[in-house]
Protein backbone atom coordinates (compact mmCIF):
# COMPACT_ATOMS: atom_id res chain seq x y z
CA MET A 1 -17.83 -34.98 32.96
CA GLY A 2 -14.21 -35.98 33.09
CA TRP A 3 -10.74 -34.73 32.31
CA PHE A 4 -11.66 -33.52 28.81
CA ALA A 5 -13.90 -30.84 30.30
CA ILE A 6 -10.85 -28.83 31.44
CA PRO A 7 -9.34 -28.14 27.99
CA LEU A 8 -12.82 -27.43 26.62
CA ILE A 9 -13.39 -24.82 29.33
CA VAL A 10 -9.97 -23.36 28.59
CA ALA A 11 -10.87 -23.28 24.90
CA VAL A 12 -14.09 -21.36 25.62
CA ALA A 13 -12.33 -18.89 27.90
CA ALA A 14 -9.38 -18.35 25.52
CA SER A 15 -11.58 -17.87 22.47
CA LEU A 16 -13.82 -15.35 24.24
CA LEU A 17 -10.82 -13.51 25.68
CA VAL A 18 -9.17 -13.10 22.29
CA ALA A 19 -12.50 -12.18 20.70
CA GLY A 20 -12.86 -9.39 23.26
CA LEU A 21 -9.34 -8.14 22.55
CA LEU A 22 -10.02 -8.25 18.83
CA TRP A 23 -13.28 -6.36 19.26
CA SER A 24 -11.37 -3.52 20.90
CA HIS A 25 -9.46 -3.36 17.59
CA ARG A 26 -12.59 -3.75 15.46
CA GLY A 27 -11.64 -0.80 13.28
CA ARG A 28 -8.67 -2.76 11.94
CA PRO A 29 -9.03 -4.80 8.74
CA GLY A 30 -10.35 -8.30 9.44
CA ALA A 31 -10.65 -7.88 13.22
CA ARG A 32 -14.46 -8.10 13.28
CA ALA A 33 -14.56 -11.28 11.19
CA LEU A 34 -11.94 -13.03 13.32
CA ALA A 35 -13.59 -11.91 16.55
CA LEU A 36 -16.90 -13.37 15.38
CA LEU A 37 -15.12 -16.57 14.30
CA LEU A 38 -13.66 -16.97 17.79
CA VAL A 39 -17.04 -16.36 19.42
CA PHE A 40 -18.46 -19.13 17.23
CA SER A 41 -15.57 -21.40 18.19
CA ALA A 42 -16.32 -20.75 21.87
CA ILE A 43 -19.95 -21.71 21.24
CA TRP A 44 -18.70 -24.82 19.42
CA ALA A 45 -16.63 -25.83 22.46
CA TRP A 46 -19.52 -25.08 24.83
CA PHE A 47 -21.88 -27.29 22.83
CA ASP A 48 -19.28 -30.07 23.07
CA LEU A 49 -19.33 -29.71 26.85
CA VAL A 50 -23.11 -30.01 26.81
CA ASP A 51 -23.03 -32.94 24.37
CA TYR A 52 -20.56 -35.02 26.40
CA GLY A 53 -22.74 -34.57 29.48
CA LEU A 54 -25.82 -36.09 27.80
CA SER A 55 -26.67 -39.78 27.41
CA ASP A 56 -29.88 -39.59 25.33
CA LEU A 57 -29.44 -39.97 21.55
CA GLN A 58 -32.13 -37.49 20.52
CA GLN A 59 -30.88 -34.86 22.93
CA LYS A 60 -27.34 -35.32 21.67
CA LEU A 61 -28.49 -35.00 18.04
CA LEU A 62 -30.34 -31.79 18.89
CA VAL A 63 -27.19 -30.33 20.48
CA ILE A 64 -25.08 -31.38 17.49
CA ASN A 65 -27.52 -29.77 15.06
CA LEU A 66 -27.44 -26.54 17.09
CA GLN A 67 -23.66 -26.77 17.17
CA TYR A 68 -23.53 -26.97 13.38
CA SER A 69 -25.37 -23.65 13.21
CA VAL A 70 -22.07 -22.00 14.17
CA ILE A 71 -19.66 -24.58 12.71
CA VAL A 72 -20.85 -23.94 9.15
CA SER A 73 -19.93 -20.24 9.46
CA VAL A 74 -16.37 -20.71 10.71
CA ALA A 75 -14.70 -21.34 7.33
CA PRO A 76 -16.43 -18.44 5.51
CA LEU A 77 -15.54 -16.09 8.37
CA TRP A 78 -11.93 -17.24 8.17
CA LEU A 79 -11.79 -16.44 4.46
CA ILE A 80 -13.39 -13.01 5.01
CA PHE A 81 -10.80 -12.28 7.71
CA ALA A 82 -7.95 -13.47 5.47
CA TRP A 83 -9.22 -11.42 2.52
CA ARG A 84 -9.46 -8.21 4.53
CA TYR A 85 -6.18 -8.76 6.35
CA ALA A 86 -4.22 -9.55 3.18
CA SER A 87 -5.79 -6.80 1.06
CA SER A 88 -5.22 -3.95 3.54
CA GLY A 89 -8.88 -3.67 4.48
CA GLN A 90 -10.64 -4.14 1.15
CA ARG A 91 -14.18 -5.32 1.85
CA PRO A 92 -15.72 -8.23 -0.04
CA SER A 93 -18.91 -7.31 -1.84
CA TYR A 94 -22.35 -8.30 -0.60
CA ALA A 95 -22.64 -10.77 -3.48
CA GLN A 96 -19.31 -12.39 -2.60
CA VAL A 97 -20.32 -12.83 1.04
CA THR A 98 -23.67 -14.26 -0.02
CA HIS A 99 -21.96 -16.80 -2.28
CA LEU A 100 -19.66 -17.87 0.56
CA PHE A 101 -22.65 -18.85 2.71
CA ILE A 102 -24.62 -20.78 0.07
CA VAL A 103 -22.99 -24.15 0.90
CA PRO A 104 -23.32 -23.58 4.69
CA ALA A 105 -27.02 -22.74 4.25
CA ILE A 106 -27.60 -25.89 2.21
CA THR A 107 -25.70 -27.90 4.83
CA LEU A 108 -27.91 -26.65 7.65
CA ALA A 109 -31.05 -27.35 5.66
CA LEU A 110 -29.93 -30.92 4.93
CA LEU A 111 -28.83 -31.42 8.53
CA TRP A 112 -32.22 -30.54 10.01
CA THR A 113 -34.02 -32.68 7.42
CA ASN A 114 -31.50 -35.54 7.53
CA ASP A 115 -34.05 -38.14 8.64
CA ALA A 116 -35.76 -37.80 5.25
CA HIS A 117 -32.69 -38.42 3.07
CA GLY A 118 -29.56 -39.24 5.07
CA PHE A 119 -27.32 -36.87 3.08
CA MET A 120 -25.48 -35.71 6.20
CA ARG A 121 -25.32 -38.88 8.36
CA ARG A 122 -26.57 -42.45 8.32
CA ASP A 123 -26.69 -45.43 10.67
CA VAL A 124 -26.94 -43.09 13.64
CA ARG A 125 -26.61 -44.84 17.00
CA LEU A 126 -25.43 -44.25 20.55
CA ASP A 127 -22.03 -45.72 21.43
CA THR A 128 -21.75 -46.35 25.15
CA SER A 129 -18.68 -48.54 25.09
CA GLY A 130 -16.43 -45.83 26.58
CA SER A 131 -16.49 -43.71 29.71
CA PHE A 132 -19.14 -41.48 28.12
CA ALA A 133 -21.69 -41.89 25.36
CA VAL A 134 -20.97 -40.55 21.88
CA VAL A 135 -22.99 -40.47 18.68
CA ALA A 136 -21.67 -43.04 16.20
CA LYS A 137 -22.60 -42.57 12.56
CA THR A 138 -21.62 -42.94 8.95
CA TYR A 139 -21.16 -39.64 7.15
CA GLY A 140 -23.45 -39.03 4.18
CA PRO A 141 -22.32 -37.71 0.77
CA TRP A 142 -23.14 -34.06 1.42
CA PHE A 143 -21.06 -34.03 4.60
CA TRP A 144 -17.94 -34.67 2.51
CA VAL A 145 -18.97 -31.92 0.11
CA PHE A 146 -19.26 -29.54 3.07
CA ALA A 147 -15.94 -30.77 4.53
CA ALA A 148 -14.14 -30.26 1.19
CA TYR A 149 -15.68 -26.79 0.85
CA SER A 150 -14.65 -25.79 4.37
CA TYR A 151 -11.09 -27.01 3.98
CA GLY A 152 -10.91 -25.30 0.59
CA LEU A 153 -11.82 -21.96 2.19
CA LEU A 154 -9.28 -22.59 4.93
CA ILE A 155 -6.51 -23.37 2.46
CA TYR A 156 -7.30 -20.39 0.24
CA GLY A 157 -7.48 -17.99 3.20
CA THR A 158 -4.19 -19.33 4.54
CA TYR A 159 -2.65 -18.87 1.09
CA LEU A 160 -3.78 -15.21 0.96
CA ILE A 161 -2.26 -14.43 4.34
CA THR A 162 0.94 -16.34 3.60
CA ARG A 163 1.41 -14.57 0.29
CA ALA A 164 0.85 -11.15 1.87
CA ALA A 165 3.24 -11.88 4.74
CA LEU A 166 6.00 -13.25 2.53
CA ARG A 167 5.94 -10.02 0.54
CA SER A 168 6.13 -7.97 3.72
CA PRO A 169 8.91 -7.03 6.16
CA GLY A 170 9.97 -9.30 9.03
CA LEU A 171 7.46 -7.93 11.54
CA TYR A 172 4.56 -9.09 9.37
CA ARG A 173 6.11 -12.54 9.08
CA ALA A 174 6.19 -12.77 12.86
CA GLN A 175 2.50 -11.90 12.83
CA LEU A 176 2.00 -14.62 10.23
CA ARG A 177 3.38 -17.29 12.55
CA ALA A 178 0.91 -16.32 15.26
CA ILE A 179 -2.00 -16.28 12.82
CA LEU A 180 -1.12 -19.58 11.16
CA VAL A 181 -0.76 -21.38 14.49
CA GLY A 182 -4.07 -19.90 15.59
CA ALA A 183 -5.75 -20.91 12.35
CA LEU A 184 -4.27 -24.34 11.70
CA ALA A 185 -4.44 -25.82 15.20
CA PRO A 186 -8.26 -26.27 15.29
CA TRP A 187 -8.43 -27.49 11.72
CA LEU A 188 -5.66 -30.03 12.22
CA GLY A 189 -7.51 -31.23 15.30
CA ASN A 190 -10.72 -31.53 13.29
CA LEU A 191 -8.98 -33.41 10.48
CA THR A 192 -7.44 -35.79 13.03
CA PHE A 193 -10.89 -36.42 14.48
CA LEU A 194 -12.47 -37.12 11.08
CA ILE A 195 -9.73 -39.59 10.18
CA GLY A 196 -9.30 -41.39 13.52
CA GLN A 197 -12.57 -41.13 15.40
CA SER A 198 -13.71 -44.65 14.52
CA ARG A 199 -10.46 -46.23 15.69
CA VAL A 200 -8.85 -44.04 18.34
CA LEU A 201 -10.68 -40.82 19.24
CA ARG A 202 -14.02 -40.70 20.97
CA ILE A 203 -14.03 -36.93 21.40
CA ASP A 204 -13.61 -34.11 18.91
CA PRO A 205 -10.31 -32.31 19.71
CA THR A 206 -11.23 -29.33 17.54
CA PRO A 207 -12.59 -27.13 20.35
CA ILE A 208 -9.61 -28.09 22.50
CA ALA A 209 -7.32 -26.99 19.70
CA PHE A 210 -9.02 -23.61 19.86
CA ALA A 211 -7.30 -23.16 23.21
CA VAL A 212 -4.01 -23.30 21.32
CA SER A 213 -5.49 -20.95 18.73
CA GLY A 214 -6.53 -18.46 21.40
CA ALA A 215 -3.11 -18.57 23.04
CA ALA A 216 -1.34 -17.99 19.72
CA LEU A 217 -3.55 -15.06 18.78
CA THR A 218 -3.27 -13.53 22.26
CA TRP A 219 0.52 -13.75 21.94
CA GLY A 220 0.29 -12.10 18.53
CA LEU A 221 -1.82 -9.30 19.98
CA CYS A 222 0.54 -8.59 22.86
CA ARG A 223 3.89 -9.24 21.18
CA TYR A 224 3.46 -7.97 17.64
CA GLY A 225 0.48 -5.62 17.81
CA LEU A 226 -1.62 -7.92 15.64
CA PHE A 227 -4.18 -5.79 13.74
CA ASP A 228 -2.44 -2.58 14.79
CA ILE A 229 -0.21 -3.19 11.76
CA VAL A 230 -1.38 -5.28 8.82
CA PRO A 231 0.43 -6.04 5.58
CA MET A 232 -0.29 -3.57 2.82
CA ALA A 233 -1.26 -4.78 -0.61
CA TYR A 234 2.09 -3.87 -2.10
CA GLU A 235 0.92 -4.42 -5.65
CA ARG A 236 -1.76 -1.79 -5.17
CA VAL A 237 0.70 0.63 -3.58
CA ILE A 238 3.07 0.25 -6.52
CA GLU A 239 0.27 0.60 -9.06
CA GLU A 240 -0.95 3.84 -7.45
CA MET A 241 2.46 5.47 -6.97
CA SER A 242 2.79 8.88 -8.59
CA ASP A 243 6.49 8.20 -9.26
CA GLY A 244 7.52 5.81 -11.98
CA LEU A 245 9.04 2.51 -10.85
CA VAL A 246 11.14 0.22 -13.03
CA VAL A 247 12.62 -2.98 -11.56
CA LEU A 248 15.48 -4.68 -13.40
CA ASP A 249 17.07 -8.06 -12.83
CA GLY A 250 20.79 -8.76 -12.60
CA GLU A 251 21.09 -8.82 -16.39
CA GLY A 252 19.51 -5.39 -16.79
CA ARG A 253 16.18 -6.74 -18.07
CA ILE A 254 12.96 -5.08 -16.96
CA VAL A 255 10.86 -7.32 -14.72
CA GLN A 256 8.29 -4.83 -13.43
CA VAL A 257 6.97 -1.38 -14.26
CA ASN A 258 4.06 0.57 -12.81
CA PRO A 259 1.56 2.75 -14.72
CA ALA A 260 3.46 5.96 -13.87
CA ALA A 261 6.60 4.52 -15.50
CA GLU A 262 4.61 3.42 -18.56
CA GLU A 263 3.34 6.98 -18.97
CA ALA A 264 6.78 8.49 -18.43
CA LEU A 265 8.54 6.19 -20.89
CA ALA A 266 5.68 6.26 -23.42
CA TYR A 267 5.81 2.47 -23.72
CA SER A 268 3.31 -0.17 -22.63
CA ARG A 269 4.15 -2.79 -20.04
CA ASP A 270 4.18 -5.49 -22.70
CA ASP A 271 6.79 -3.53 -24.66
CA LEU A 272 9.02 -3.10 -21.61
CA VAL A 273 8.94 -6.27 -19.52
CA GLY A 274 11.61 -8.78 -20.42
CA ARG A 275 13.72 -6.32 -22.41
CA ARG A 276 16.87 -4.42 -21.60
CA LEU A 277 16.32 -0.78 -20.80
CA PRO A 278 19.23 0.72 -22.79
CA GLU A 279 18.32 -1.24 -25.94
CA ARG A 280 14.70 -0.18 -25.90
CA LEU A 281 15.01 3.36 -24.60
CA SER A 282 18.56 4.60 -25.17
CA ALA A 283 17.34 7.28 -27.60
CA GLN A 284 14.97 8.69 -24.98
CA LEU A 285 16.84 8.12 -21.75
CA GLY A 286 20.25 9.35 -22.85
CA PRO A 287 22.45 9.56 -19.72
CA LEU A 288 20.51 6.84 -17.97
CA ALA A 289 21.54 4.28 -20.58
CA GLN A 290 25.19 4.87 -19.70
CA GLU A 291 24.54 4.81 -15.96
CA ILE A 292 22.41 1.68 -15.88
CA GLY A 293 25.30 -0.42 -14.62
CA ALA A 294 26.01 1.91 -11.73
CA SER A 295 24.53 1.70 -8.27
CA GLY A 296 23.11 4.73 -6.57
CA SER A 297 23.42 6.93 -9.68
CA ARG A 298 21.17 9.91 -10.29
CA THR A 299 20.48 12.07 -13.30
CA ASP A 300 17.90 14.35 -14.86
CA VAL A 301 16.30 13.10 -18.05
CA ALA A 302 14.04 14.85 -20.56
CA LEU A 303 11.57 12.42 -22.14
CA GLN A 304 9.46 13.17 -25.17
CA GLN A 305 5.77 12.44 -24.70
CA GLY A 306 3.77 13.08 -27.84
CA VAL A 307 4.27 16.71 -28.84
CA GLY A 308 5.43 17.73 -25.37
CA ARG A 309 8.41 17.13 -23.14
CA ARG A 310 8.55 16.04 -19.52
CA ASP A 311 11.54 16.24 -17.22
CA TYR A 312 12.30 13.47 -14.72
CA ASP A 313 14.71 13.01 -11.86
CA VAL A 314 15.88 9.41 -12.33
CA SER A 315 17.61 7.57 -9.47
CA LEU A 316 19.06 4.07 -9.58
CA SER A 317 19.65 1.87 -6.53
CA ALA A 318 20.85 -1.70 -6.26
CA LEU A 319 18.85 -4.69 -5.04
CA HIS A 320 20.99 -7.09 -3.03
CA ASP A 321 20.43 -10.78 -2.46
CA ARG A 322 20.99 -12.52 0.88
CA ARG A 323 24.69 -13.01 0.15
CA GLY A 324 25.22 -9.34 -0.56
CA GLY A 325 25.45 -9.67 -4.31
CA ILE A 326 23.59 -7.41 -6.70
CA ALA A 327 20.39 -9.16 -7.76
CA GLY A 328 18.97 -6.25 -9.71
CA GLN A 329 18.22 -2.55 -9.67
CA VAL A 330 15.33 -0.21 -9.06
CA ALA A 331 14.89 2.93 -11.15
CA MET A 332 12.64 5.66 -9.76
CA LEU A 333 11.37 8.38 -12.11
CA ARG A 334 10.07 11.51 -10.40
CA ASP A 335 8.36 14.13 -12.54
CA ILE A 336 10.18 17.45 -12.05
CA THR A 337 8.73 19.23 -15.08
CA ALA A 338 7.12 22.01 -13.03
CA ARG A 339 10.35 22.56 -11.08
CA LYS A 340 12.41 22.63 -14.25
CA ARG A 341 10.08 25.16 -15.86
CA ALA A 342 10.26 27.36 -12.76
CA GLU A 343 14.07 27.16 -12.76
CA GLU A 344 14.23 28.05 -16.45
CA GLU A 345 11.90 31.03 -15.94
CA ARG A 346 13.96 32.20 -12.95
CA GLU A 347 17.23 31.91 -14.87
CA SER A 348 15.71 33.78 -17.82
CA LEU A 349 14.55 36.58 -15.53
CA ILE A 350 17.99 36.78 -13.90
CA ARG A 351 19.63 37.11 -17.33
CA GLU A 352 17.22 39.86 -18.36
CA LEU A 353 17.88 41.78 -15.15
CA GLN A 354 21.62 41.41 -15.54
CA GLU A 355 21.41 42.71 -19.09
CA ALA A 356 19.28 45.64 -17.98
CA LEU A 357 21.66 46.48 -15.13
CA GLY A 358 24.57 46.31 -17.54
CA GLU A 359 22.95 48.99 -19.70
CA VAL A 360 22.15 51.37 -16.86
CA LYS A 361 24.71 53.24 -14.74
CA ARG A 362 23.07 54.71 -11.69
CA LEU A 363 23.83 58.30 -10.53
CA SER A 364 23.68 58.74 -6.78
CA GLY A 365 24.86 61.10 -4.11
CA LEU A 366 25.20 64.95 -4.17
CA LEU A 367 26.21 66.63 -7.47
CA PRO A 368 27.84 70.08 -7.20
CA ILE A 369 26.30 72.17 -10.00
CA CYS A 370 26.86 75.81 -10.93
CA ALA A 371 23.72 77.84 -10.35
CA TRP A 372 24.49 80.07 -13.36
CA CYS A 373 26.04 77.98 -16.10
CA LYS A 374 24.74 74.60 -14.88
CA ARG A 375 28.14 72.93 -15.16
CA ILE A 376 28.90 70.07 -12.75
CA ARG A 377 32.08 69.73 -10.72
CA THR A 378 33.68 66.28 -10.89
CA ASP A 379 35.38 64.45 -8.05
CA GLU A 380 38.71 65.62 -9.49
CA GLY A 381 37.62 69.30 -9.24
CA TYR A 382 36.95 69.91 -12.93
CA TRP A 383 33.82 71.64 -14.15
CA LYS A 384 32.04 69.93 -17.01
CA GLN A 385 28.99 70.67 -19.07
CA LEU A 386 25.88 68.88 -17.84
CA GLU A 387 25.45 66.80 -20.99
CA GLU A 388 29.11 65.82 -20.98
CA TYR A 389 28.94 64.63 -17.38
CA LEU A 390 25.76 62.62 -17.92
CA SER A 391 27.17 61.02 -21.04
CA GLU A 392 30.17 59.81 -19.07
CA HIS A 393 28.10 58.36 -16.27
CA SER A 394 25.27 56.78 -18.24
CA ASN A 395 24.44 55.44 -21.63
CA ALA A 396 22.35 58.48 -22.48
CA VAL A 397 23.01 60.20 -25.86
CA PHE A 398 22.20 63.90 -26.16
CA THR A 399 20.76 65.72 -29.19
CA HIS A 400 20.54 69.49 -29.35
CA GLY A 401 17.66 71.76 -30.26
CA ILE A 402 15.98 75.01 -29.13
CA CYS A 403 13.00 75.04 -26.83
CA PRO A 404 10.04 77.40 -27.56
CA ASP A 405 11.00 79.91 -24.83
CA CYS A 406 14.50 80.31 -26.19
CA GLN A 407 13.07 80.56 -29.69
CA ARG A 408 11.02 83.59 -28.64
CA LYS A 409 14.01 85.19 -26.92
CA LEU A 410 16.01 84.82 -30.11
CA ALA A 411 13.27 86.47 -32.07
CA ASP A 412 13.06 89.44 -29.65
CA ASP A 413 16.81 90.07 -29.31
CA PRO A 414 18.25 91.78 -32.44
CA GLN A 415 21.83 90.93 -31.55
CA LEU A 416 21.03 87.24 -31.11
CA ASP A 417 18.95 87.38 -34.24
CA ALA A 418 21.88 88.89 -36.14
CA MET A 419 24.19 86.16 -34.85
CA ARG A 420 21.74 83.61 -36.05
């Protein structure tokens, strides 16, 4: 076939190799869609090999039509991959996927019936002026609709991945470079072919560019663990945080709050964003209003919510710009109401026990007591009445009376009765 067969073969091999590696990671967000895209790109390159080896116009048109059966799916698969990769695995709905493939389905239908209307290509002829025969044609109106649609999906998918990576740490940005090279190389090759095929290019460099794509993605797999780690949708993480988050700019104005912070502060997002925290909430936040200019400060704050009260541990940390200056602050509000209630109950119990222990003096050890008169000998050797001793060593107060047995003895003893 010629020299161009070598890069096409490399493109097929590289695309299938990366597709196999991706399939081993098929549980990762977007891996299945990208693996299928690369399989289709390998088929695309293989059909090009077959096409450049043919010299009959009808055979070449049949191969091109078969080739388009996979080409039309490449852009939708790219967008599905980008969506899942950038949204931390969120799946598009069945209706969304169906809508993505409406234009490709129409394109295939018009391609196979092109002889009746010429919407895809016109003035089809075989150009044998070069070292191999190619199909020369004029693109029909629907082809440009399909091309605009495909490039639109490519641009939007690239935007989703770029936005996710730019909001992510450095490792994700390194992944982004590998993905963008892998994604843009074939499409830049295809755009070059569409623009210059009538003047310079006789072959479509798009499948060859997939060799570059495969190399970039393989490098991303081996170097950065592509698909082992994907960017999280940070907005969703922030929205679902149980702790309140308030982001302030360098002037102390609120630029972002999450739902947990809205609930804690009892203000809506519209009431908070763009305003200074101390001015809006000084009555509620108390100590925080004085500490807002500090970095790394921490305090406990009681916030009124309706008829109840919630306690929060509020921490402030600085946000630094690239030059080390303070660009803003982040306030985190952690609900510690349950902990505070437990501490208050524990302290109340301790106070009650201390008060009880203060009222009770414990008697312990052996007490020498007279077996006849029931007096108790003190440590100093003195003998004291039982009630006197107990009064000194406890808070007990004695009252005197006569028990029933003694009452009967008094009644039976005339001398005791006379004394009474």
